[in-house]
Amino acid sequence: METVACNLCGSTRYTALYQMPDRRGYHPGLFTVVECNRCGLGFLNPRPAFEEMGKYYPKEYYEEEFVQNPAYHLRRYAREAGYLRPIERKPGPKRLLDVGCANGDFPRFMKARGWQVEGVEVSASSQPIADFKVYPLQLPDIPVAQPTYDAVTAWAVLEHVHDPRAYFRKVSEVTKAGGLFVFQVPNFNSLASRRLFLEDIPRHLYFFSEKTIRRYMEESGFALEKAHFGSDIFVQPSYNWLHYYVRTKVRRLPFTYEELPLARPEFFKRYNLKPGMPATLKYVLAQPLTALDRALLPALTWIQMLRKTYPNCTYVARRLG
């Protein structure tokens, strides 16, 4: 474990927000999420050193995270591609760099639309990528040092890296003037991130708000053009929001990780129940507040999108000349 200063402003003064374990159970211990007192950036502190991160990304992680659902992923890629239309409409060839390209499906989707594509991926892919170039390195280490790409994308990547500032600077270095940087990250101004223990700790190391992203962009030579708070790319329901409000606003008590109600699979496992309608009914009767929490989630989601407090945000920034 290592203790770090704020990646954005360098301050060593911060406030601890909460502690939680690795909910996936890959490794024991509690991890602390803090907020910088000077600039508001959220981050894990102390955190696992880069060399230690492998234990938090076992093979099971990728099996759980990337469940095969071709129709869903095709819809997602089409929505991601929509953010690149301002570049796509221009005449001539276009070059894309996708950071964290996984198995290469999104670059391949864009290649079919006429783009020249490359990827960056440090994790071992489940299948070899031979139809376009992939750099098996951290983004700041790739051997590209001049404006090369018309667009750079990073979908749910930057919250995982140890040095976001180095990533933003490298994107600035390799993006052409007028090119786009499009990336999706969790929203630190959401209940899910700040209060409900829904960040993927300790794989998520940094937590961004629109304010901190704007500062990163300005320092990196980008103009932030759009911040879309919504579920078009990734869905993140704010589970247990009602429990949080009842405990903190009605009962005037702190809401810690230990106060989280059992999720349905955990409930079934604890009481040795087989999934099905009888078990679900027992779950609802045992936890009526959870049932109401889930029933009201669509209304809460609509409100969050209007107030820019939805758990995910997609940013579009343009490289200044």
Foldseek 3Di string as FASTA:
>chain_A
DDFAADLQPRHPDWAWQFKDFQVVPLDDDIWTWIAHPPQGKIFIGPADDPVPCVSVDDPVNCCVPCPDDVVVVVQLLVVVVVLQVVVVPDDDEFEEEEEQCAQVPSVVVVVVVRHQYEYEHLDDHPDDDDPHHYHNDDLLPDPAQAAAGLEYEYEADLQQDPRNLSVLQSCLRHHDAQGKYKYKYWACLACCNRPQVNDSPPSGGIHDHPSSVCSSQVVNQKHWDDKQQAPSNHDDFSQCPQVCCCVCVVVVHGDHPVSDDDDLVRQCVVVVHDDDDVSVVVVCVVCVSRVVRVVCRVVVRVVCRVVVRHGMIMIMIGHHD
